[in-house]
C-alpha atoms as a PDB file:
ATOM      1  CA  MET A   1      38.679 -57.044 -18.292  1.00  0.00           C
ATOM      2  CA  ALA A   2      35.236 -56.952 -19.954  1.00  0.00           C
ATOM      3  CA  TYR A   3      33.314 -53.899 -21.104  1.00  0.00           C
ATOM      4  CA  TRP A   4      29.403 -53.352 -20.736  1.00  0.00           C
ATOM      5  CA  LEU A   5      26.727 -50.753 -21.136  1.00  0.00           C
ATOM      6  CA  PHE A   6      23.996 -50.347 -18.822  1.00  0.00           C
ATOM      7  CA  LYS A   7      20.760 -48.538 -19.905  1.00  0.00           C
ATOM      8  CA  SER A   8      18.497 -46.583 -17.561  1.00  0.00           C
ATOM      9  CA  GLU A   9      15.866 -43.966 -17.908  1.00  0.00           C
ATOM     10  CA  PRO A  10      17.062 -41.033 -16.044  1.00  0.00           C
ATOM     11  CA  SER A  11      13.567 -40.341 -14.646  1.00  0.00           C
ATOM     12  CA  VAL A  12      13.641 -43.833 -12.901  1.00  0.00           C
ATOM     13  CA  PHE A  13      17.300 -44.054 -11.930  1.00  0.00           C
ATOM     14  CA  SER A  14      19.975 -41.635 -13.326  1.00  0.00           C
ATOM     15  CA  PHE A  15      23.779 -41.350 -13.296  1.00  0.00           C
ATOM     16  CA  GLU A  16      23.518 -38.930 -10.745  1.00  0.00           C
ATOM     17  CA  ALA A  17      21.339 -41.070  -8.409  1.00  0.00           C
ATOM     18  CA  LEU A  18      24.251 -43.684  -8.855  1.00  0.00           C
ATOM     19  CA  GLN A  19      26.985 -41.116  -7.841  1.00  0.00           C
ATOM     20  CA  ALA A  20      24.900 -40.438  -5.010  1.00  0.00           C
ATOM     21  CA  LYS A  21      25.143 -44.266  -3.583  1.00  0.00           C
ATOM     22  CA  GLY A  22      29.085 -43.723  -3.355  1.00  0.00           C
ATOM     23  CA  LYS A  23      31.815 -46.311  -3.253  1.00  0.00           C
ATOM     24  CA  ALA A  24      29.130 -48.829  -2.092  1.00  0.00           C
ATOM     25  CA  GLY A  25      27.223 -48.531  -5.263  1.00  0.00           C
ATOM     26  CA  THR A  26      23.927 -50.346  -5.688  1.00  0.00           C
ATOM     27  CA  GLN A  27      22.376 -53.412  -7.449  1.00  0.00           C
ATOM     28  CA  TRP A  28      21.492 -53.312 -10.853  1.00  0.00           C
ATOM     29  CA  ASP A  29      17.873 -54.510 -10.350  1.00  0.00           C
ATOM     30  CA  GLY A  30      14.576 -55.192 -12.136  1.00  0.00           C
ATOM     31  CA  VAL A  31      16.258 -56.734 -15.279  1.00  0.00           C
ATOM     32  CA  ARG A  32      13.958 -59.346 -16.686  1.00  0.00           C
ATOM     33  CA  ASN A  33      15.630 -60.313 -19.879  1.00  0.00           C
ATOM     34  CA  TYR A  34      17.566 -63.697 -19.949  1.00  0.00           C
ATOM     35  CA  LEU A  35      20.226 -62.301 -22.304  1.00  0.00           C
ATOM     36  CA  ALA A  36      20.620 -59.290 -20.121  1.00  0.00           C
ATOM     37  CA  ARG A  37      20.756 -61.539 -16.858  1.00  0.00           C
ATOM     38  CA  ASN A  38      23.296 -63.663 -18.651  1.00  0.00           C
ATOM     39  CA  ASN A  39      25.345 -60.836 -19.345  1.00  0.00           C
ATOM     40  CA  MET A  40      25.515 -59.964 -15.746  1.00  0.00           C
ATOM     41  CA  ARG A  41      26.209 -63.391 -14.846  1.00  0.00           C
ATOM     42  CA  ALA A  42      29.477 -63.167 -17.249  1.00  0.00           C
ATOM     43  CA  MET A  43      30.646 -60.040 -15.309  1.00  0.00           C
ATOM     44  CA  ARG A  44      33.759 -59.944 -12.941  1.00  0.00           C
ATOM     45  CA  ILE A  45      34.325 -57.317 -10.275  1.00  0.00           C
ATOM     46  CA  GLY A  46      36.188 -54.595 -11.714  1.00  0.00           C
ATOM     47  CA  ASP A  47      34.796 -54.780 -14.986  1.00  0.00           C
ATOM     48  CA  LEU A  48      34.162 -51.379 -16.667  1.00  0.00           C
ATOM     49  CA  GLY A  49      30.692 -50.146 -18.388  1.00  0.00           C
ATOM     50  CA  PHE A  50      29.234 -46.980 -19.706  1.00  0.00           C
ATOM     51  CA  PHE A  51      25.786 -45.683 -18.198  1.00  0.00           C
ATOM     52  CA  TYR A  52      23.551 -44.891 -20.816  1.00  0.00           C
ATOM     53  CA  HIS A  53      20.421 -42.665 -20.262  1.00  0.00           C
ATOM     54  CA  SER A  54      17.670 -44.198 -22.300  1.00  0.00           C
ATOM     55  CA  ASN A  55      14.275 -42.604 -23.769  1.00  0.00           C
ATOM     56  CA  GLU A  56      15.230 -39.339 -22.027  1.00  0.00           C
ATOM     57  CA  GLY A  57      18.842 -38.079 -23.183  1.00  0.00           C
ATOM     58  CA  LEU A  58      19.683 -40.955 -25.330  1.00  0.00           C
ATOM     59  CA  GLU A  59      23.334 -40.528 -24.513  1.00  0.00           C
ATOM     60  CA  ILE A  60      26.413 -42.140 -22.572  1.00  0.00           C
ATOM     61  CA  VAL A  61      26.996 -40.048 -19.619  1.00  0.00           C
ATOM     62  CA  GLY A  62      29.332 -42.006 -17.232  1.00  0.00           C
ATOM     63  CA  ILE A  63      31.549 -44.810 -16.552  1.00  0.00           C
ATOM     64  CA  VAL A  64      30.522 -47.498 -13.950  1.00  0.00           C
ATOM     65  CA  GLU A  65      32.359 -50.318 -12.271  1.00  0.00           C
ATOM     66  CA  VAL A  66      31.142 -53.865 -11.308  1.00  0.00           C
ATOM     67  CA  CYS A  67      31.616 -53.901  -7.466  1.00  0.00           C
ATOM     68  CA  ALA A  68      29.623 -57.307  -6.658  1.00  0.00           C
ATOM     69  CA  LEU A  69      29.215 -60.489  -8.828  1.00  0.00           C
ATOM     70  CA  ALA A  70      25.826 -61.602 -10.087  1.00  0.00           C
ATOM     71  CA  HIS A  71      23.539 -62.556  -6.971  1.00  0.00           C
ATOM     72  CA  GLN A  72      19.708 -62.708  -6.265  1.00  0.00           C
ATOM     73  CA  ASP A  73      17.941 -59.590  -7.330  1.00  0.00           C
ATOM     74  CA  THR A  74      16.050 -58.524  -4.155  1.00  0.00           C
ATOM     75  CA  THR A  75      13.215 -56.804  -6.035  1.00  0.00           C
ATOM     76  CA  THR A  76      11.751 -60.450  -6.660  1.00  0.00           C
ATOM     77  CA  GLU A  77      11.462 -63.710  -5.053  1.00  0.00           C
ATOM     78  CA  ASP A  78      11.918 -65.533  -8.311  1.00  0.00           C
ATOM     79  CA  ALA A  79      15.254 -67.344  -8.304  1.00  0.00           C
ATOM     80  CA  ARG A  80      15.653 -66.746 -12.289  1.00  0.00           C
ATOM     81  CA  TRP A  81      16.414 -63.175 -11.742  1.00  0.00           C
ATOM     82  CA  GLU A  82      20.000 -62.081 -10.704  1.00  0.00           C
ATOM     83  CA  CYS A  83      21.824 -58.803 -10.863  1.00  0.00           C
ATOM     84  CA  VAL A  84      25.318 -57.260 -10.039  1.00  0.00           C
ATOM     85  CA  ASP A  85      26.010 -54.242  -8.094  1.00  0.00           C
ATOM     86  CA  ILE A  86      27.734 -51.359  -9.794  1.00  0.00           C
ATOM     87  CA  ARG A  87      29.323 -48.039  -8.673  1.00  0.00           C
ATOM     88  CA  ALA A  88      29.979 -44.524 -10.545  1.00  0.00           C
ATOM     89  CA  VAL A  89      33.434 -44.156 -11.308  1.00  0.00           C
ATOM     90  CA  ARG A  90      33.213 -40.783 -13.285  1.00  0.00           C
ATOM     91  CA  GLU A  91      31.039 -38.839 -15.609  1.00  0.00           C
ATOM     92  CA  VAL A  92      32.399 -38.469 -19.203  1.00  0.00           C
ATOM     93  CA  PRO A  93      33.506 -35.131 -20.205  1.00  0.00           C
ATOM     94  CA  LYS A  94      31.429 -35.062 -23.307  1.00  0.00           C
ATOM     95  CA  PRO A  95      28.249 -37.256 -23.361  1.00  0.00           C
ATOM     96  CA  VAL A  96      28.086 -39.343 -26.449  1.00  0.00           C
ATOM     97  CA  THR A  97      24.583 -39.453 -28.009  1.00  0.00           C
ATOM     98  CA  LEU A  98      23.145 -42.442 -29.866  1.00  0.00           C
ATOM     99  CA  VAL A  99      23.098 -40.167 -32.896  1.00  0.00           C
ATOM    100  CA  ASP A 100      26.916 -39.957 -32.807  1.00  0.00           C
ATOM    101  CA  VAL A 101      27.156 -43.802 -32.194  1.00  0.00           C
ATOM    102  CA  LYS A 102      24.945 -44.485 -35.288  1.00  0.00           C
ATOM    103  CA  ALA A 103      26.935 -41.950 -37.403  1.00  0.00           C
ATOM    104  CA  ASN A 104      30.394 -43.678 -36.453  1.00  0.00           C
ATOM    105  CA  PRO A 105      31.083 -46.543 -38.897  1.00  0.00           C
ATOM    106  CA  ALA A 106      33.560 -48.156 -36.199  1.00  0.00           C
ATOM    107  CA  LEU A 107      30.475 -48.596 -34.028  1.00  0.00           C
ATOM    108  CA  ALA A 108      28.135 -50.014 -36.664  1.00  0.00           C
ATOM    109  CA  ARG A 109      27.977 -53.311 -34.853  1.00  0.00           C
ATOM    110  CA  MET A 110      27.778 -52.191 -31.194  1.00  0.00           C
ATOM    111  CA  ALA A 111      24.955 -53.648 -29.632  1.00  0.00           C
ATOM    112  CA  LEU A 112      23.518 -50.060 -28.791  1.00  0.00           C
ATOM    113  CA  VAL A 113      22.921 -49.986 -32.439  1.00  0.00           C
ATOM    114  CA  THR A 114      22.040 -53.433 -33.355  1.00  0.00           C
ATOM    115  CA  SER A 115      20.157 -54.596 -30.027  1.00  0.00           C
ATOM    116  CA  MET A 116      18.753 -51.226 -28.777  1.00  0.00           C
ATOM    117  CA  ARG A 117      16.235 -52.785 -26.535  1.00  0.00           C
ATOM    118  CA  LEU A 118      18.701 -54.734 -24.330  1.00  0.00           C
ATOM    119  CA  SER A 119      19.255 -53.239 -21.199  1.00  0.00           C
ATOM    120  CA  VAL A 120      22.671 -54.794 -20.159  1.00  0.00           C
ATOM    121  CA  GLN A 121      24.913 -55.145 -23.331  1.00  0.00           C
ATOM    122  CA  PRO A 122      28.435 -56.333 -24.104  1.00  0.00           C
ATOM    123  CA  VAL A 123      30.919 -53.685 -25.344  1.00  0.00           C
ATOM    124  CA  THR A 124      34.107 -54.957 -27.228  1.00  0.00           C
ATOM    125  CA  ASP A 125      37.538 -53.539 -26.601  1.00  0.00           C
ATOM    126  CA  ASP A 126      37.613 -51.526 -29.790  1.00  0.00           C
ATOM    127  CA  GLU A 127      34.164 -50.000 -29.302  1.00  0.00           C
ATOM    128  CA  TRP A 128      34.979 -49.126 -25.648  1.00  0.00           C
ATOM    129  CA  ARG A 129      38.301 -47.275 -26.905  1.00  0.00           C
ATOM    130  CA  GLU A 130      36.308 -45.535 -29.684  1.00  0.00           C
ATOM    131  CA  VAL A 131      33.398 -44.384 -27.423  1.00  0.00           C
ATOM    132  CA  CYS A 132      35.853 -43.200 -24.679  1.00  0.00           C
ATOM    133  CA  ARG A 133      37.578 -41.309 -27.482  1.00  0.00           C
ATOM    134  CA  MET A 134      34.573 -39.660 -28.515  1.00  0.00           C
ATOM    135  CA  ALA A 135      33.718 -38.761 -24.855  1.00  0.00           C
ATOM    136  CA  GLY A 136      37.067 -37.145 -24.375  1.00  0.00           C
ATOM    137  CA  LEU A 137      38.323 -39.755 -22.350  1.00  0.00           C
ATOM    138  CA  ASP A 138      41.608 -40.466 -24.396  1.00  0.00           C
ATOM    139  CA  PRO A 139      43.371 -42.815 -23.266  1.00  0.00           C
ATOM    140  CA  ALA A 140      40.546 -44.932 -22.049  1.00  0.00           C
ATOM    141  CA  PRO A 141      40.100 -45.975 -18.633  1.00  0.00           C
END
């Protein structure tokens, strides 16, 4: 299993909006960055990810699961752009802020710190466990 981080502005699409989609989830559409798209192409069903509220909140607020492999993004006819579907798994007991992530030496190389603008990012196993610990999820799912 691999781990990921999905970023969204809560005023555009929040974790609560994803929760409202239920088990079916929704496509993670609108991504127009090749590296983020390639990250989605690498995903497998059952992979887990953090849901990060960007611009407003600046915090990891939930856990998501990939529930459909990369497919054509229905918000464009351009075949270059693909997306996966994700569904909400659970809120984290304690949101983990960007300030907290940056202050933790164990997370100094995390893409959230080094590639802040990337909307779909890989998360290493160690980063996953550390952020889950910080969020009050110990052991990590």
